[in-house]
PDB file of N, CA and C in Angstrom:
ATOM      1  N   MET A   1       4.084  13.642  16.846  1.00  0.00           N
ATOM      2  CA  MET A   1       4.723  12.677  15.759  1.00  0.00           C
ATOM      3  C   MET A   1       5.548  13.337  14.776  1.00  0.00           C
ATOM      4  N   GLY A   2       6.859  12.880  14.598  1.00  0.00           N
ATOM      5  CA  GLY A   2       7.396  13.612  13.255  1.00  0.00           C
ATOM      6  C   GLY A   2       7.044  12.368  12.017  1.00  0.00           C
ATOM      7  N   ARG A   3       7.587  12.623  10.809  1.00  0.00           N
ATOM      8  CA  ARG A   3       7.553  12.216   9.676  1.00  0.00           C
ATOM      9  C   ARG A   3       8.568  10.943   9.809  1.00  0.00           C
ATOM     10  N   LEU A   4       8.163   9.684   8.496  1.00  0.00           N
ATOM     11  CA  LEU A   4       9.085   8.826   8.635  1.00  0.00           C
ATOM     12  C   LEU A   4      10.295   9.253   7.565  1.00  0.00           C
ATOM     13  N   GLY A   5      11.619   9.199   8.214  1.00  0.00           N
ATOM     14  CA  GLY A   5      12.732   9.118   7.030  1.00  0.00           C
ATOM     15  C   GLY A   5      13.181   8.082   6.790  1.00  0.00           C
ATOM     16  N   MET A   6      14.327   8.304   5.974  1.00  0.00           N
ATOM     17  CA  MET A   6      14.858   7.130   5.011  1.00  0.00           C
ATOM     18  C   MET A   6      15.466   6.176   5.818  1.00  0.00           C
ATOM     19  N   PRO A   7      16.104   6.212   7.010  1.00  0.00           N
ATOM     20  CA  PRO A   7      16.445   4.888   8.189  1.00  0.00           C
ATOM     21  C   PRO A   7      15.216   4.693   8.491  1.00  0.00           C
ATOM     22  N   GLU A   8      14.404   5.135   9.132  1.00  0.00           N
ATOM     23  CA  GLU A   8      13.147   4.235   9.839  1.00  0.00           C
ATOM     24  C   GLU A   8      12.374   3.745   8.491  1.00  0.00           C
ATOM     25  N   LEU A   9      12.224   3.901   7.469  1.00  0.00           N
ATOM     26  CA  LEU A   9      11.655   3.092   6.109  1.00  0.00           C
ATOM     27  C   LEU A   9      12.446   2.018   5.852  1.00  0.00           C
ATOM     28  N   ILE A  10      13.810   2.119   5.684  1.00  0.00           N
ATOM     29  CA  ILE A  10      14.705   0.821   5.661  1.00  0.00           C
ATOM     30  C   ILE A  10      14.461  -0.028   6.669  1.00  0.00           C
ATOM     31  N   ILE A  11      14.390   0.392   7.873  1.00  0.00           N
ATOM     32  CA  ILE A  11      14.530  -0.541   9.002  1.00  0.00           C
ATOM     33  C   ILE A  11      13.037  -1.177   8.589  1.00  0.00           C
ATOM     34  N   ILE A  12      11.830  -0.584   8.493  1.00  0.00           N
ATOM     35  CA  ILE A  12      10.643  -1.095   8.627  1.00  0.00           C
ATOM     36  C   ILE A  12      10.666  -2.331   7.269  1.00  0.00           C
ATOM     37  N   PHE A  13      11.091  -1.774   6.054  1.00  0.00           N
ATOM     38  CA  PHE A  13      11.361  -2.607   4.521  1.00  0.00           C
ATOM     39  C   PHE A  13      11.898  -3.610   5.071  1.00  0.00           C
ATOM     40  N   LEU A  14      13.195  -3.748   5.801  1.00  0.00           N
ATOM     41  CA  LEU A  14      14.094  -5.097   6.422  1.00  0.00           C
ATOM     42  C   LEU A  14      12.976  -5.673   7.305  1.00  0.00           C
ATOM     43  N   ILE A  15      12.103  -5.229   8.011  1.00  0.00           N
ATOM     44  CA  ILE A  15      11.233  -6.132   9.269  1.00  0.00           C
ATOM     45  C   ILE A  15      10.296  -6.842   8.263  1.00  0.00           C
ATOM     46  N   VAL A  16       9.713  -6.166   7.117  1.00  0.00           N
ATOM     47  CA  VAL A  16       8.467  -6.725   6.262  1.00  0.00           C
ATOM     48  C   VAL A  16       9.436  -8.031   5.381  1.00  0.00           C
ATOM     49  N   ILE A  17      10.674  -7.625   5.150  1.00  0.00           N
ATOM     50  CA  ILE A  17      11.446  -9.077   4.622  1.00  0.00           C
ATOM     51  C   ILE A  17      11.325 -10.074   5.448  1.00  0.00           C
ATOM     52  N   VAL A  18      11.834  -9.722   6.846  1.00  0.00           N
ATOM     53  CA  VAL A  18      12.131 -10.904   7.646  1.00  0.00           C
ATOM     54  C   VAL A  18      10.922 -11.532   7.742  1.00  0.00           C
ATOM     55  N   ILE A  19       9.710 -10.755   8.166  1.00  0.00           N
ATOM     56  CA  ILE A  19       7.963 -11.350   8.288  1.00  0.00           C
ATOM     57  C   ILE A  19       7.886 -12.060   7.198  1.00  0.00           C
ATOM     58  N   PHE A  20       7.621 -11.542   6.038  1.00  0.00           N
ATOM     59  CA  PHE A  20       7.077 -12.083   4.604  1.00  0.00           C
ATOM     60  C   PHE A  20       8.006 -13.119   4.143  1.00  0.00           C
ATOM     61  N   GLY A  21       9.051 -12.646   3.970  1.00  0.00           N
ATOM     62  CA  GLY A  21      10.045 -13.066   3.172  1.00  0.00           C
ATOM     63  C   GLY A  21      10.264 -12.884   1.905  1.00  0.00           C
ATOM     64  N   ALA A  22      11.405 -12.722   1.085  1.00  0.00           N
ATOM     65  CA  ALA A  22      11.515 -11.914  -0.090  1.00  0.00           C
ATOM     66  C   ALA A  22      10.718 -12.952  -1.346  1.00  0.00           C
ATOM     67  N   ASN A  23      10.524 -13.963  -1.249  1.00  0.00           N
ATOM     68  CA  ASN A  23       9.707 -14.551  -2.188  1.00  0.00           C
ATOM     69  C   ASN A  23       8.310 -13.913  -2.204  1.00  0.00           C
ATOM     70  N   ARG A  24       7.731 -14.033  -1.372  1.00  0.00           N
ATOM     71  CA  ARG A  24       6.165 -13.656  -1.363  1.00  0.00           C
ATOM     72  C   ARG A  24       6.118 -11.821  -1.537  1.00  0.00           C
ATOM     73  N   LEU A  25       6.929 -11.106  -1.322  1.00  0.00           N
ATOM     74  CA  LEU A  25       6.870  -9.795  -1.544  1.00  0.00           C
ATOM     75  C   LEU A  25       6.352  -9.280  -2.964  1.00  0.00           C
ATOM     76  N   PRO A  26       6.544  -9.906  -3.851  1.00  0.00           N
ATOM     77  CA  PRO A  26       5.910  -9.251  -5.365  1.00  0.00           C
ATOM     78  C   PRO A  26       4.294  -9.575  -5.392  1.00  0.00           C
ATOM     79  N   GLY A  27       3.958 -10.450  -4.667  1.00  0.00           N
ATOM     80  CA  GLY A  27       2.464 -11.313  -4.363  1.00  0.00           C
ATOM     81  C   GLY A  27       1.809 -10.101  -3.454  1.00  0.00           C
ATOM     82  N   LEU A  28       2.552  -9.609  -2.443  1.00  0.00           N
ATOM     83  CA  LEU A  28       1.978  -8.714  -1.304  1.00  0.00           C
ATOM     84  C   LEU A  28       2.059  -7.498  -2.116  1.00  0.00           C
ATOM     85  N   GLY A  29       3.021  -6.931  -2.454  1.00  0.00           N
ATOM     86  CA  GLY A  29       3.012  -5.546  -3.398  1.00  0.00           C
ATOM     87  C   GLY A  29       1.764  -5.371  -4.589  1.00  0.00           C
ATOM     88  N   LYS A  30       1.701  -6.746  -5.212  1.00  0.00           N
ATOM     89  CA  LYS A  30       0.392  -6.455  -6.446  1.00  0.00           C
ATOM     90  C   LYS A  30      -0.748  -6.669  -5.490  1.00  0.00           C
ATOM     91  N   GLY A  31      -0.875  -7.539  -4.386  1.00  0.00           N
ATOM     92  CA  GLY A  31      -2.156  -7.626  -3.719  1.00  0.00           C
ATOM     93  C   GLY A  31      -2.204  -6.025  -3.175  1.00  0.00           C
ATOM     94  N   ILE A  32      -1.707  -5.518  -2.664  1.00  0.00           N
ATOM     95  CA  ILE A  32      -1.490  -4.169  -1.937  1.00  0.00           C
ATOM     96  C   ILE A  32      -1.946  -2.591  -3.086  1.00  0.00           C
ATOM     97  N   GLY A  33      -1.298  -3.062  -4.312  1.00  0.00           N
ATOM     98  CA  GLY A  33      -1.517  -2.067  -5.160  1.00  0.00           C
ATOM     99  C   GLY A  33      -2.656  -2.355  -6.119  1.00  0.00           C
ATOM    100  N   SER A  34      -3.432  -3.749  -5.971  1.00  0.00           N
ATOM    101  CA  SER A  34      -4.813  -3.919  -6.466  1.00  0.00           C
ATOM    102  C   SER A  34      -5.788  -3.084  -5.601  1.00  0.00           C
ATOM    103  N   ALA A  35      -5.469  -3.710  -4.153  1.00  0.00           N
ATOM    104  CA  ALA A  35      -6.459  -2.819  -3.061  1.00  0.00           C
ATOM    105  C   ALA A  35      -6.633  -1.424  -3.272  1.00  0.00           C
ATOM    106  N   ILE A  36      -5.258  -0.737  -3.402  1.00  0.00           N
ATOM    107  CA  ILE A  36      -5.335   0.775  -3.431  1.00  0.00           C
ATOM    108  C   ILE A  36      -5.815   1.099  -4.713  1.00  0.00           C
ATOM    109  N   ARG A  37      -5.867   0.483  -5.726  1.00  0.00           N
ATOM    110  CA  ARG A  37      -6.564   0.653  -7.230  1.00  0.00           C
ATOM    111  C   ARG A  37      -7.827   0.598  -6.990  1.00  0.00           C
ATOM    112  N   ASN A  38      -8.337  -0.515  -6.320  1.00  0.00           N
ATOM    113  CA  ASN A  38      -9.975  -0.509  -6.269  1.00  0.00           C
ATOM    114  C   ASN A  38     -10.679   0.336  -5.139  1.00  0.00           C
ATOM    115  N   PHE A  39      -9.703   0.984  -4.466  1.00  0.00           N
ATOM    116  CA  PHE A  39     -10.290   1.905  -3.201  1.00  0.00           C
ATOM    117  C   PHE A  39     -10.424   3.454  -4.292  1.00  0.00           C
ATOM    118  N   LYS A  40      -9.424   3.541  -4.812  1.00  0.00           N
ATOM    119  CA  LYS A  40      -9.359   5.096  -5.555  1.00  0.00           C
ATOM    120  C   LYS A  40     -10.823   4.962  -6.515  1.00  0.00           C
ATOM    121  N   ASN A  41     -11.101   3.937  -7.258  1.00  0.00           N
ATOM    122  CA  ASN A  41     -11.747   3.440  -8.057  1.00  0.00           C
ATOM    123  C   ASN A  41     -13.319   3.510  -7.924  1.00  0.00           C
ATOM    124  N   GLY A  42     -13.330   3.174  -6.354  1.00  0.00           N
ATOM    125  CA  GLY A  42     -14.604   3.118  -5.531  1.00  0.00           C
ATOM    126  C   GLY A  42     -15.077   4.452  -5.390  1.00  0.00           C
ATOM    127  N   ILE A  43     -13.911   5.497  -4.619  1.00  0.00           N
ATOM    128  CA  ILE A  43     -14.287   6.818  -4.389  1.00  0.00           C
ATOM    129  C   ILE A  43     -14.520   7.378  -5.518  1.00  0.00           C
ATOM    130  N   LYS A  44     -13.772   7.392  -6.660  1.00  0.00           N
ATOM    131  CA  LYS A  44     -13.817   8.238  -7.788  1.00  0.00           C
ATOM    132  C   LYS A  44     -15.581   8.158  -8.397  1.00  0.00           C
ATOM    133  N   ASP A  45     -15.763   6.238  -8.155  1.00  0.00           N
ATOM    134  CA  ASP A  45     -17.064   5.985  -8.595  1.00  0.00           C
ATOM    135  C   ASP A  45     -18.183   6.865  -7.734  1.00  0.00           C
ATOM    136  N   GLU A  46     -18.030   6.834  -6.319  1.00  0.00           N
ATOM    137  CA  GLU A  46     -18.782   7.230  -5.624  1.00  0.00           C
ATOM    138  C   GLU A  46     -18.875   8.831  -5.539  1.00  0.00           C
ATOM    139  N   THR A  47     -18.073   9.587  -5.786  1.00  0.00           N
ATOM    140  CA  THR A  47     -18.088  11.107  -6.444  1.00  0.00           C
ATOM    141  C   THR A  47     -18.903  11.612  -7.580  1.00  0.00           C
ATOM    142  N   ALA A  48     -18.693  10.221  -8.331  1.00  0.00           N
ATOM    143  CA  ALA A  48     -19.316  10.427  -9.481  1.00  0.00           C
ATOM    144  C   ALA A  48     -20.959  10.365  -9.513  1.00  0.00           C
ATOM    145  N   ASP A  49     -21.246   9.763  -8.072  1.00  0.00           N
ATOM    146  CA  ASP A  49     -22.722   9.356  -8.534  1.00  0.00           C
ATOM    147  C   ASP A  49     -23.495  10.435  -7.626  1.00  0.00           C
ATOM    148  N   ASP A  50     -22.670  11.260  -6.905  1.00  0.00           N
ATOM    149  CA  ASP A  50     -23.077  12.270  -5.678  1.00  0.00           C
ATOM    150  C   ASP A  50     -23.101  13.324  -6.670  1.00  0.00           C
ATOM    151  N   LYS A  51     -22.524  13.366  -7.972  1.00  0.00           N
ATOM    152  CA  LYS A  51     -22.355  14.609  -8.473  1.00  0.00           C
ATOM    153  C   LYS A  51     -23.778  14.604  -9.714  1.00  0.00           C
ATOM    154  N   SER A  52     -24.562  13.370  -9.789  1.00  0.00           N
ATOM    155  CA  SER A  52     -25.485  13.338 -10.913  1.00  0.00           C
ATOM    156  C   SER A  52     -26.922  12.764 -10.167  1.00  0.00           C
TER     157      SER A  52
END
């Protein structure tokens, strides 16, 4: 399996726009960003608990 290049990323982005619609993309991005942030904070808290 190779890496994703720019043409593949553009195709994936266009498919996401078709599936979710342009109006829902900001909310979807906000939700994904929040989930990633919570995951990182959870990992950070877990490693801090392990050290103490």
